[in-house]
Amino acid sequence: MLKTALKPRWIAALLLALVLSTVFVLLSQWQFSSAQDAPPPAPSSTEQTKPLTKVFKPGVPMTADVADQMVSTSGHFLPEKQVLVEGRLQDDQPGYWVVTAFDVDGAPELEGRGGGEPVIPVARGWIKDPGQAGRAPEGQLELSGRLLPTEAPMVDREGDPYVSSLSVAALINRWDVASYSGFVVADQTLASGTPVGAASAGTALEEIQVSPQPQETPVNWLNIFYAIEWFVFAGFAFFLWWRLVADDYRRSLEDEEDDDDDGAFAYVHDDDQPIKQ
């Protein structure tokens, strides 16, 4: 077996298997390192309120280092662009989020539906009875809250005042405006220094209870599966080389046996009949 493995062609094949297995192991390590998504920022950074226009730009997807950030901005609500998001629990009670488009001061213009300065959907508060939603406060406002990524869209009936998810893409189509690709859950809304948001005088809205997202590093199991696959491929390269060498070795043994069988017979002609010696 060793003599067969030391043939030049099988040594060359072994070197090729080593190169392939090295590449496969490196790919496996890369997949393992990619299996852990970028961890969310520490709560100490997300809980420091920062200007919305400084930390997030309209028209770009939200990344983990931006999501959950407390932000502040100024502008005004567009009261006619408002929806109720159904199926929202607060203190184990089902209800609705009241979401209104907020025109952000200083936001760069964004090409798309509506053009002009983009809006950002703002969840102004929670209500149990949809009839208590009311109109958004008007005039110039100072707003702060938690910035969150858009939710996945769900099929809703056209013209229905209720929606099943807070999907920015769906709201863009409904409101016909350009928008940020996330939304803000408001915790304070001021008009000339006076609170006009949830739980303030003259409104039935309750402040939405949202907490910082968990700080565990998420694991991408698909990447781990790919990493295991590459490791198996590395082992298979050596197995294939060994199998080819073993097959060559067995063929050589069969050839030797055939040669021995041919040499074990001699023929003496006696009345034209072969006689085994």
C-alpha atoms as a PDB file:
ATOM      1  CA  MET A   1       0.000   0.000   0.000  1.00  0.00           C
ATOM      2  CA  LEU A   2       2.810   2.414   0.908  1.00  0.00           C
ATOM      3  CA  LYS A   3       4.644   1.586  -2.304  1.00  0.00           C
ATOM      4  CA  THR A   4       1.518   2.451  -4.275  1.00  0.00           C
ATOM      5  CA  ALA A   5       0.988   5.685  -2.349  1.00  0.00           C
ATOM      6  CA  LEU A   6       4.568   6.756  -3.146  1.00  0.00           C
ATOM      7  CA  LYS A   7       3.968   6.678  -6.872  1.00  0.00           C
ATOM      8  CA  PRO A   8       4.575  10.158  -8.370  1.00  0.00           C
ATOM      9  CA  ARG A   9       0.980  10.562  -9.521  1.00  0.00           C
ATOM     10  CA  TRP A  10      -0.427   9.768  -6.073  1.00  0.00           C
ATOM     11  CA  ILE A  11       2.061  12.076  -4.355  1.00  0.00           C
ATOM     12  CA  ALA A  12       0.893  14.834  -6.723  1.00  0.00           C
ATOM     13  CA  ALA A  13      -2.728  13.943  -5.951  1.00  0.00           C
ATOM     14  CA  LEU A  14      -1.962  14.118  -2.214  1.00  0.00           C
ATOM     15  CA  LEU A  15      -0.503  17.602  -2.623  1.00  0.00           C
ATOM     16  CA  LEU A  16      -3.652  18.659  -4.505  1.00  0.00           C
ATOM     17  CA  ALA A  17      -5.809  17.209  -1.704  1.00  0.00           C
ATOM     18  CA  LEU A  18      -3.759  19.173   0.856  1.00  0.00           C
ATOM     19  CA  VAL A  19      -4.278  22.413  -1.072  1.00  0.00           C
ATOM     20  CA  LEU A  20      -8.021  21.809  -1.439  1.00  0.00           C
ATOM     21  CA  SER A  21      -8.477  20.835   2.202  1.00  0.00           C
ATOM     22  CA  THR A  22      -6.570  23.959   3.327  1.00  0.00           C
ATOM     23  CA  VAL A  23      -8.886  26.144   1.253  1.00  0.00           C
ATOM     24  CA  PHE A  24     -11.942  24.334   2.644  1.00  0.00           C
ATOM     25  CA  VAL A  25     -10.729  24.748   6.253  1.00  0.00           C
ATOM     26  CA  LEU A  26     -10.140  28.478   5.691  1.00  0.00           C
ATOM     27  CA  LEU A  27     -13.645  28.808   4.255  1.00  0.00           C
ATOM     28  CA  SER A  28     -15.006  26.937   7.272  1.00  0.00           C
ATOM     29  CA  GLN A  29     -13.250  29.316   9.664  1.00  0.00           C
ATOM     30  CA  TRP A  30     -14.618  32.306   7.736  1.00  0.00           C
ATOM     31  CA  GLN A  31     -18.163  30.946   7.978  1.00  0.00           C
ATOM     32  CA  PHE A  32     -17.751  30.333  11.713  1.00  0.00           C
ATOM     33  CA  SER A  33     -16.542  33.916  12.226  1.00  0.00           C
ATOM     34  CA  SER A  34     -19.516  35.195  10.178  1.00  0.00           C
ATOM     35  CA  ALA A  35     -21.965  33.126  12.220  1.00  0.00           C
ATOM     36  CA  GLN A  36     -22.033  35.799  14.907  1.00  0.00           C
ATOM     37  CA  ASP A  37     -23.770  38.924  13.663  1.00  0.00           C
ATOM     38  CA  ALA A  38     -22.560  42.316  14.770  1.00  0.00           C
ATOM     39  CA  PRO A  39     -23.720  42.694  18.380  1.00  0.00           C
ATOM     40  CA  PRO A  40     -26.048  45.552  19.226  1.00  0.00           C
ATOM     41  CA  PRO A  41     -24.443  48.591  20.803  1.00  0.00           C
ATOM     42  CA  ALA A  42     -24.135  48.765  24.575  1.00  0.00           C
ATOM     43  CA  PRO A  43     -27.124  50.266  26.408  1.00  0.00           C
ATOM     44  CA  SER A  44     -24.929  53.107  27.655  1.00  0.00           C
ATOM     45  CA  SER A  45     -24.598  54.411  24.089  1.00  0.00           C
ATOM     46  CA  THR A  46     -28.163  53.784  22.904  1.00  0.00           C
ATOM     47  CA  GLU A  47     -29.670  55.521  25.913  1.00  0.00           C
ATOM     48  CA  GLN A  48     -27.832  58.765  25.166  1.00  0.00           C
ATOM     49  CA  THR A  49     -30.242  60.847  23.072  1.00  0.00           C
ATOM     50  CA  LYS A  50     -28.663  61.933  19.785  1.00  0.00           C
ATOM     51  CA  PRO A  51     -30.006  64.010  16.864  1.00  0.00           C
ATOM     52  CA  LEU A  52     -31.843  61.815  14.367  1.00  0.00           C
ATOM     53  CA  THR A  53     -30.216  63.500  11.367  1.00  0.00           C
ATOM     54  CA  LYS A  54     -26.755  62.748  12.802  1.00  0.00           C
ATOM     55  CA  VAL A  55     -27.188  59.019  13.421  1.00  0.00           C
ATOM     56  CA  PHE A  56     -29.505  57.902  10.608  1.00  0.00           C
ATOM     57  CA  LYS A  57     -29.991  58.891   6.988  1.00  0.00           C
ATOM     58  CA  PRO A  58     -33.167  58.414   4.949  1.00  0.00           C
ATOM     59  CA  GLY A  59     -33.177  55.924   2.117  1.00  0.00           C
ATOM     60  CA  VAL A  60     -30.635  53.517   3.682  1.00  0.00           C
ATOM     61  CA  PRO A  61     -31.307  50.264   5.575  1.00  0.00           C
ATOM     62  CA  MET A  62     -31.019  50.372   9.360  1.00  0.00           C
ATOM     63  CA  THR A  63     -28.039  48.532  10.848  1.00  0.00           C
ATOM     64  CA  ALA A  64     -27.586  47.015  14.313  1.00  0.00           C
ATOM     65  CA  ASP A  65     -25.456  49.910  15.552  1.00  0.00           C
ATOM     66  CA  VAL A  66     -28.287  52.371  14.809  1.00  0.00           C
ATOM     67  CA  ALA A  67     -31.322  50.371  15.892  1.00  0.00           C
ATOM     68  CA  ASP A  68     -32.591  51.043  19.414  1.00  0.00           C
ATOM     69  CA  GLN A  69     -30.879  54.436  19.607  1.00  0.00           C
ATOM     70  CA  MET A  70     -32.660  57.208  21.511  1.00  0.00           C
ATOM     71  CA  VAL A  71     -33.000  60.126  19.107  1.00  0.00           C
ATOM     72  CA  SER A  72     -34.378  63.648  19.025  1.00  0.00           C
ATOM     73  CA  THR A  73     -35.616  65.785  16.173  1.00  0.00           C
ATOM     74  CA  SER A  74     -37.777  68.785  15.374  1.00  0.00           C
ATOM     75  CA  GLY A  75     -40.506  69.238  12.800  1.00  0.00           C
ATOM     76  CA  HIS A  76     -44.229  68.810  12.552  1.00  0.00           C
ATOM     77  CA  PHE A  77     -46.773  66.028  12.212  1.00  0.00           C
ATOM     78  CA  LEU A  78     -48.831  65.470   9.074  1.00  0.00           C
ATOM     79  CA  PRO A  79     -52.158  64.699  10.841  1.00  0.00           C
ATOM     80  CA  GLU A  80     -53.872  63.421   7.708  1.00  0.00           C
ATOM     81  CA  LYS A  81     -51.226  60.687   7.344  1.00  0.00           C
ATOM     82  CA  GLN A  82     -52.050  58.475  10.282  1.00  0.00           C
ATOM     83  CA  VAL A  83     -52.777  54.769  10.814  1.00  0.00           C
ATOM     84  CA  LEU A  84     -53.587  52.473  13.705  1.00  0.00           C
ATOM     85  CA  VAL A  85     -51.433  49.351  14.130  1.00  0.00           C
ATOM     86  CA  GLU A  86     -53.634  46.658  15.615  1.00  0.00           C
ATOM     87  CA  GLY A  87     -52.702  43.759  17.870  1.00  0.00           C
ATOM     88  CA  ARG A  88     -50.363  45.706  20.208  1.00  0.00           C
ATOM     89  CA  LEU A  89     -50.195  44.567  23.816  1.00  0.00           C
ATOM     90  CA  GLN A  90     -49.582  46.850  26.768  1.00  0.00           C
ATOM     91  CA  ASP A  91     -49.840  45.516  30.318  1.00  0.00           C
ATOM     92  CA  ASP A  92     -51.272  42.340  28.740  1.00  0.00           C
ATOM     93  CA  GLN A  93     -54.104  44.363  27.217  1.00  0.00           C
ATOM     94  CA  PRO A  94     -54.688  44.310  23.435  1.00  0.00           C
ATOM     95  CA  GLY A  95     -54.873  47.663  21.722  1.00  0.00           C
ATOM     96  CA  TYR A  96     -53.496  49.867  18.969  1.00  0.00           C
ATOM     97  CA  TRP A  97     -50.449  51.982  18.239  1.00  0.00           C
ATOM     98  CA  VAL A  98     -51.275  55.395  16.816  1.00  0.00           C
ATOM     99  CA  VAL A  99     -48.696  56.086  14.086  1.00  0.00           C
ATOM    100  CA  THR A 100     -48.426  59.457  12.346  1.00  0.00           C
ATOM    101  CA  ALA A 101     -46.008  60.765   9.727  1.00  0.00           C
ATOM    102  CA  PHE A 102     -43.545  63.329  11.107  1.00  0.00           C
ATOM    103  CA  ASP A 103     -41.869  65.815   8.751  1.00  0.00           C
ATOM    104  CA  VAL A 104     -38.234  66.007   9.938  1.00  0.00           C
ATOM    105  CA  ASP A 105     -36.500  69.386   9.887  1.00  0.00           C
ATOM    106  CA  GLY A 106     -33.096  69.337   8.227  1.00  0.00           C
ATOM    107  CA  ALA A 107     -33.464  65.896   6.671  1.00  0.00           C
ATOM    108  CA  PRO A 108     -31.860  65.636   3.200  1.00  0.00           C
ATOM    109  CA  GLU A 109     -34.279  65.497   0.312  1.00  0.00           C
ATOM    110  CA  LEU A 110     -34.920  61.997  -0.943  1.00  0.00           C
ATOM    111  CA  GLU A 111     -36.020  61.032  -4.400  1.00  0.00           C
ATOM    112  CA  GLY A 112     -39.050  58.801  -4.420  1.00  0.00           C
ATOM    113  CA  ARG A 113     -42.685  58.971  -3.586  1.00  0.00           C
ATOM    114  CA  GLY A 114     -43.713  62.495  -2.732  1.00  0.00           C
ATOM    115  CA  GLY A 115     -40.170  63.830  -3.069  1.00  0.00           C
ATOM    116  CA  GLY A 116     -38.992  66.642  -0.845  1.00  0.00           C
ATOM    117  CA  GLU A 117     -38.012  66.186   2.781  1.00  0.00           C
ATOM    118  CA  PRO A 118     -38.664  62.654   4.021  1.00  0.00           C
ATOM    119  CA  VAL A 119     -40.952  61.850   6.913  1.00  0.00           C
ATOM    120  CA  ILE A 120     -40.450  59.288   9.643  1.00  0.00           C
ATOM    121  CA  PRO A 121     -43.355  57.295  11.087  1.00  0.00           C
ATOM    122  CA  VAL A 122     -43.821  58.072  14.779  1.00  0.00           C
ATOM    123  CA  ALA A 123     -45.716  55.775  17.131  1.00  0.00           C
ATOM    124  CA  ARG A 124     -47.288  58.523  19.250  1.00  0.00           C
ATOM    125  CA  GLY A 125     -48.948  56.271  21.834  1.00  0.00           C
ATOM    126  CA  TRP A 126     -51.105  53.262  22.674  1.00  0.00           C
ATOM    127  CA  ILE A 127     -54.888  53.156  22.940  1.00  0.00           C
ATOM    128  CA  LYS A 128     -57.353  50.402  23.767  1.00  0.00           C
ATOM    129  CA  ASP A 129     -60.285  51.933  21.877  1.00  0.00           C
ATOM    130  CA  PRO A 130     -59.526  53.021  18.278  1.00  0.00           C
ATOM    131  CA  GLY A 131     -62.035  55.839  18.632  1.00  0.00           C
ATOM    132  CA  GLN A 132     -59.696  57.532  21.120  1.00  0.00           C
ATOM    133  CA  ALA A 133     -56.845  58.053  18.643  1.00  0.00           C
ATOM    134  CA  GLY A 134     -57.496  61.738  17.982  1.00  0.00           C
ATOM    135  CA  ARG A 135     -55.425  64.009  15.750  1.00  0.00           C
ATOM    136  CA  ALA A 136     -51.731  64.585  16.145  1.00  0.00           C
ATOM    137  CA  PRO A 137     -50.678  67.921  17.698  1.00  0.00           C
ATOM    138  CA  GLU A 138     -50.045  70.619  15.141  1.00  0.00           C
ATOM    139  CA  GLY A 139     -47.350  73.257  14.794  1.00  0.00           C
ATOM    140  CA  GLN A 140     -43.601  73.130  15.344  1.00  0.00           C
ATOM    141  CA  LEU A 141     -42.624  70.353  17.754  1.00  0.00           C
ATOM    142  CA  GLU A 142     -39.608  68.903  19.522  1.00  0.00           C
ATOM    143  CA  LEU A 143     -39.769  65.126  19.624  1.00  0.00           C
ATOM    144  CA  SER A 144     -37.644  62.401  21.176  1.00  0.00           C
ATOM    145  CA  GLY A 145     -37.984  58.624  21.293  1.00  0.00           C
ATOM    146  CA  ARG A 146     -36.481  55.262  20.447  1.00  0.00           C
ATOM    147  CA  LEU A 147     -35.465  54.545  16.845  1.00  0.00           C
ATOM    148  CA  LEU A 148     -36.499  51.065  15.701  1.00  0.00           C
ATOM    149  CA  PRO A 149     -36.228  49.123  12.403  1.00  0.00           C
ATOM    150  CA  THR A 150     -39.185  48.643  10.100  1.00  0.00           C
ATOM    151  CA  GLU A 151     -41.357  45.588  10.593  1.00  0.00           C
ATOM    152  CA  ALA A 152     -42.119  43.044   7.893  1.00  0.00           C
ATOM    153  CA  PRO A 153     -45.106  43.951   5.717  1.00  0.00           C
ATOM    154  CA  MET A 154     -48.385  42.061   5.990  1.00  0.00           C
ATOM    155  CA  VAL A 155     -51.385  41.983   3.674  1.00  0.00           C
ATOM    156  CA  ASP A 156     -54.018  44.548   4.677  1.00  0.00           C
ATOM    157  CA  ARG A 157     -57.262  45.576   3.066  1.00  0.00           C
ATOM    158  CA  GLU A 158     -56.930  48.681   0.919  1.00  0.00           C
ATOM    159  CA  GLY A 159     -58.458  51.708   2.621  1.00  0.00           C
ATOM    160  CA  ASP A 160     -58.601  49.987   6.017  1.00  0.00           C
ATOM    161  CA  PRO A 161     -57.596  52.451   8.788  1.00  0.00           C
ATOM    162  CA  TYR A 162     -55.960  49.561  10.662  1.00  0.00           C
ATOM    163  CA  VAL A 163     -52.716  47.853   9.652  1.00  0.00           C
ATOM    164  CA  SER A 164     -51.235  44.616  10.980  1.00  0.00           C
ATOM    165  CA  SER A 165     -47.587  45.673  11.081  1.00  0.00           C
ATOM    166  CA  LEU A 166     -45.586  48.869  11.195  1.00  0.00           C
ATOM    167  CA  SER A 167     -43.989  48.366   7.788  1.00  0.00           C
ATOM    168  CA  VAL A 168     -42.371  51.511   6.422  1.00  0.00           C
ATOM    169  CA  ALA A 169     -42.621  50.192   2.853  1.00  0.00           C
ATOM    170  CA  ALA A 170     -46.373  49.748   3.238  1.00  0.00           C
ATOM    171  CA  LEU A 171     -46.748  53.209   4.781  1.00  0.00           C
ATOM    172  CA  ILE A 172     -44.796  54.791   1.903  1.00  0.00           C
ATOM    173  CA  ASN A 173     -47.338  53.347  -0.532  1.00  0.00           C
ATOM    174  CA  ARG A 174     -50.270  54.319   1.680  1.00  0.00           C
ATOM    175  CA  TRP A 175     -49.115  57.880   2.371  1.00  0.00           C
ATOM    176  CA  ASP A 176     -47.356  58.528  -0.956  1.00  0.00           C
ATOM    177  CA  VAL A 177     -44.319  60.133   0.691  1.00  0.00           C
ATOM    178  CA  ALA A 178     -40.577  59.571   0.945  1.00  0.00           C
ATOM    179  CA  SER A 179     -39.571  58.131   4.304  1.00  0.00           C
ATOM    180  CA  TYR A 180     -36.809  56.902   6.560  1.00  0.00           C
ATOM    181  CA  SER A 181     -36.521  53.100   6.658  1.00  0.00           C
ATOM    182  CA  GLY A 182     -37.348  52.962  10.374  1.00  0.00           C
ATOM    183  CA  PHE A 183     -39.746  54.480  12.882  1.00  0.00           C
ATOM    184  CA  VAL A 184     -39.636  56.245  16.235  1.00  0.00           C
ATOM    185  CA  VAL A 185     -41.557  55.287  19.349  1.00  0.00           C
ATOM    186  CA  ALA A 186     -42.076  58.686  20.972  1.00  0.00           C
ATOM    187  CA  ASP A 187     -41.420  59.183  24.674  1.00  0.00           C
ATOM    188  CA  GLN A 188     -41.693  62.999  24.716  1.00  0.00           C
ATOM    189  CA  THR A 189     -43.308  65.534  22.424  1.00  0.00           C
ATOM    190  CA  LEU A 190     -43.013  69.254  23.227  1.00  0.00           C
ATOM    191  CA  ALA A 191     -44.637  72.336  21.737  1.00  0.00           C
ATOM    192  CA  SER A 192     -42.787  75.456  22.925  1.00  0.00           C
ATOM    193  CA  GLY A 193     -41.585  73.462  25.935  1.00  0.00           C
ATOM    194  CA  THR A 194     -45.064  72.153  26.846  1.00  0.00           C
ATOM    195  CA  PRO A 195     -45.730  68.380  26.720  1.00  0.00           C
ATOM    196  CA  VAL A 196     -48.324  67.524  24.078  1.00  0.00           C
ATOM    197  CA  GLY A 197     -47.598  63.829  23.610  1.00  0.00           C
ATOM    198  CA  ALA A 198     -48.972  60.677  25.190  1.00  0.00           C
ATOM    199  CA  ALA A 199     -50.405  60.975  28.704  1.00  0.00           C
ATOM    200  CA  SER A 200     -50.460  64.797  28.496  1.00  0.00           C
ATOM    201  CA  ALA A 201     -53.596  66.833  29.075  1.00  0.00           C
ATOM    202  CA  GLY A 202     -56.264  66.489  26.427  1.00  0.00           C
ATOM    203  CA  THR A 203     -55.136  63.132  25.027  1.00  0.00           C
ATOM    204  CA  ALA A 204     -56.215  59.556  25.754  1.00  0.00           C
ATOM    205  CA  LEU A 205     -52.935  58.107  24.491  1.00  0.00           C
ATOM    206  CA  GLU A 206     -50.738  56.080  26.812  1.00  0.00           C
ATOM    207  CA  GLU A 207     -46.973  56.157  26.409  1.00  0.00           C
ATOM    208  CA  ILE A 208     -45.799  53.028  24.588  1.00  0.00           C
ATOM    209  CA  GLN A 209     -43.615  50.812  26.742  1.00  0.00           C
ATOM    210  CA  VAL A 210     -40.503  49.735  24.845  1.00  0.00           C
ATOM    211  CA  SER A 211     -37.224  48.563  26.351  1.00  0.00           C
ATOM    212  CA  PRO A 212     -33.693  48.334  24.935  1.00  0.00           C
ATOM    213  CA  GLN A 213     -33.185  45.256  22.808  1.00  0.00           C
ATOM    214  CA  PRO A 214     -31.372  42.261  24.356  1.00  0.00           C
ATOM    215  CA  GLN A 215     -27.601  42.563  24.287  1.00  0.00           C
ATOM    216  CA  GLU A 216     -26.805  38.925  23.476  1.00  0.00           C
ATOM    217  CA  THR A 217     -24.809  38.395  20.310  1.00  0.00           C
ATOM    218  CA  PRO A 218     -27.155  36.758  17.774  1.00  0.00           C
ATOM    219  CA  VAL A 219     -26.000  33.561  16.064  1.00  0.00           C
ATOM    220  CA  ASN A 220     -26.532  32.860  12.373  1.00  0.00           C
ATOM    221  CA  TRP A 221     -27.153  29.101  12.239  1.00  0.00           C
ATOM    222  CA  LEU A 222     -27.055  29.033   8.442  1.00  0.00           C
ATOM    223  CA  ASN A 223     -23.413  30.169   8.531  1.00  0.00           C
ATOM    224  CA  ILE A 224     -22.612  27.451  11.072  1.00  0.00           C
ATOM    225  CA  PHE A 225     -24.172  24.852   8.768  1.00  0.00           C
ATOM    226  CA  TYR A 226     -22.032  26.106   5.876  1.00  0.00           C
ATOM    227  CA  ALA A 227     -18.923  26.010   8.093  1.00  0.00           C
ATOM    228  CA  ILE A 228     -19.566  22.346   8.925  1.00  0.00           C
ATOM    229  CA  GLU A 229     -20.092  21.622   5.233  1.00  0.00           C
ATOM    230  CA  TRP A 230     -16.688  23.095   4.292  1.00  0.00           C
ATOM    231  CA  PHE A 231     -15.020  21.057   7.049  1.00  0.00           C
ATOM    232  CA  VAL A 232     -16.644  17.873   5.698  1.00  0.00           C
ATOM    233  CA  PHE A 233     -15.406  18.753   2.202  1.00  0.00           C
ATOM    234  CA  ALA A 234     -11.860  19.062   3.583  1.00  0.00           C
ATOM    235  CA  GLY A 235     -12.068  15.548   5.032  1.00  0.00           C
ATOM    236  CA  PHE A 236     -13.622  14.218   1.832  1.00  0.00           C
ATOM    237  CA  ALA A 237     -10.607  15.427  -0.201  1.00  0.00           C
ATOM    238  CA  PHE A 238      -8.316  13.124   1.820  1.00  0.00           C
ATOM    239  CA  PHE A 239     -10.843  10.289   1.738  1.00  0.00           C
ATOM    240  CA  LEU A 240     -11.072  10.501  -2.054  1.00  0.00           C
ATOM    241  CA  TRP A 241      -7.270  10.409  -2.351  1.00  0.00           C
ATOM    242  CA  TRP A 242      -7.037   7.372  -0.038  1.00  0.00           C
ATOM    243  CA  ARG A 243      -9.817   5.584  -1.948  1.00  0.00           C
ATOM    244  CA  LEU A 244      -8.096   6.102  -5.292  1.00  0.00           C
ATOM    245  CA  VAL A 245      -4.781   4.824  -3.894  1.00  0.00           C
ATOM    246  CA  ALA A 246      -6.528   1.795  -2.364  1.00  0.00           C
ATOM    247  CA  ASP A 247      -8.224   0.986  -5.680  1.00  0.00           C
ATOM    248  CA  ASP A 248      -4.866   1.219  -7.482  1.00  0.00           C
ATOM    249  CA  TYR A 249      -3.299  -1.052  -4.861  1.00  0.00           C
ATOM    250  CA  ARG A 250      -6.053  -3.651  -5.249  1.00  0.00           C
ATOM    251  CA  ARG A 251      -5.697  -3.595  -9.027  1.00  0.00           C
ATOM    252  CA  SER A 252      -1.973  -4.207  -8.676  1.00  0.00           C
ATOM    253  CA  LEU A 253      -2.628  -7.211  -6.413  1.00  0.00           C
ATOM    254  CA  GLU A 254      -5.131  -8.627  -8.905  1.00  0.00           C
ATOM    255  CA  ASP A 255      -2.596  -8.242 -11.720  1.00  0.00           C
ATOM    256  CA  GLU A 256       0.028 -10.091  -9.643  1.00  0.00           C
ATOM    257  CA  GLU A 257      -2.417 -12.930  -8.939  1.00  0.00           C
ATOM    258  CA  ASP A 258      -3.219 -13.239 -12.637  1.00  0.00           C
ATOM    259  CA  ASP A 259       0.508 -13.440 -13.460  1.00  0.00           C
ATOM    260  CA  ASP A 260       0.992 -16.180 -10.823  1.00  0.00           C
ATOM    261  CA  ASP A 261      -1.935 -18.178 -12.206  1.00  0.00           C
ATOM    262  CA  ASP A 262      -0.532 -17.996 -15.732  1.00  0.00           C
ATOM    263  CA  GLY A 263       2.902 -19.253 -14.578  1.00  0.00           C
ATOM    264  CA  ALA A 264       1.460 -22.169 -12.543  1.00  0.00           C
ATOM    265  CA  PHE A 265       0.366 -24.103 -15.628  1.00  0.00           C
ATOM    266  CA  ALA A 266       2.646 -25.936 -18.057  1.00  0.00           C
ATOM    267  CA  TYR A 267       1.314 -27.986 -20.878  1.00  0.00           C
ATOM    268  CA  VAL A 268       2.758 -31.305 -22.180  1.00  0.00           C
ATOM    269  CA  HIS A 269       1.132 -32.589 -25.297  1.00  0.00           C
ATOM    270  CA  ASP A 270       0.140 -36.228 -25.040  1.00  0.00           C
ATOM    271  CA  ASP A 271      -2.160 -37.201 -27.839  1.00  0.00           C
ATOM    272  CA  ASP A 272      -2.881 -33.529 -28.272  1.00  0.00           C
ATOM    273  CA  GLN A 273      -4.263 -33.352 -24.708  1.00  0.00           C
ATOM    274  CA  PRO A 274      -2.856 -30.745 -22.261  1.00  0.00           C
ATOM    275  CA  ILE A 275      -1.522 -32.287 -19.069  1.00  0.00           C
ATOM    276  CA  LYS A 276      -1.044 -30.139 -15.952  1.00  0.00           C
ATOM    277  CA  GLN A 277       2.457 -30.500 -14.446  1.00  0.00           C
END
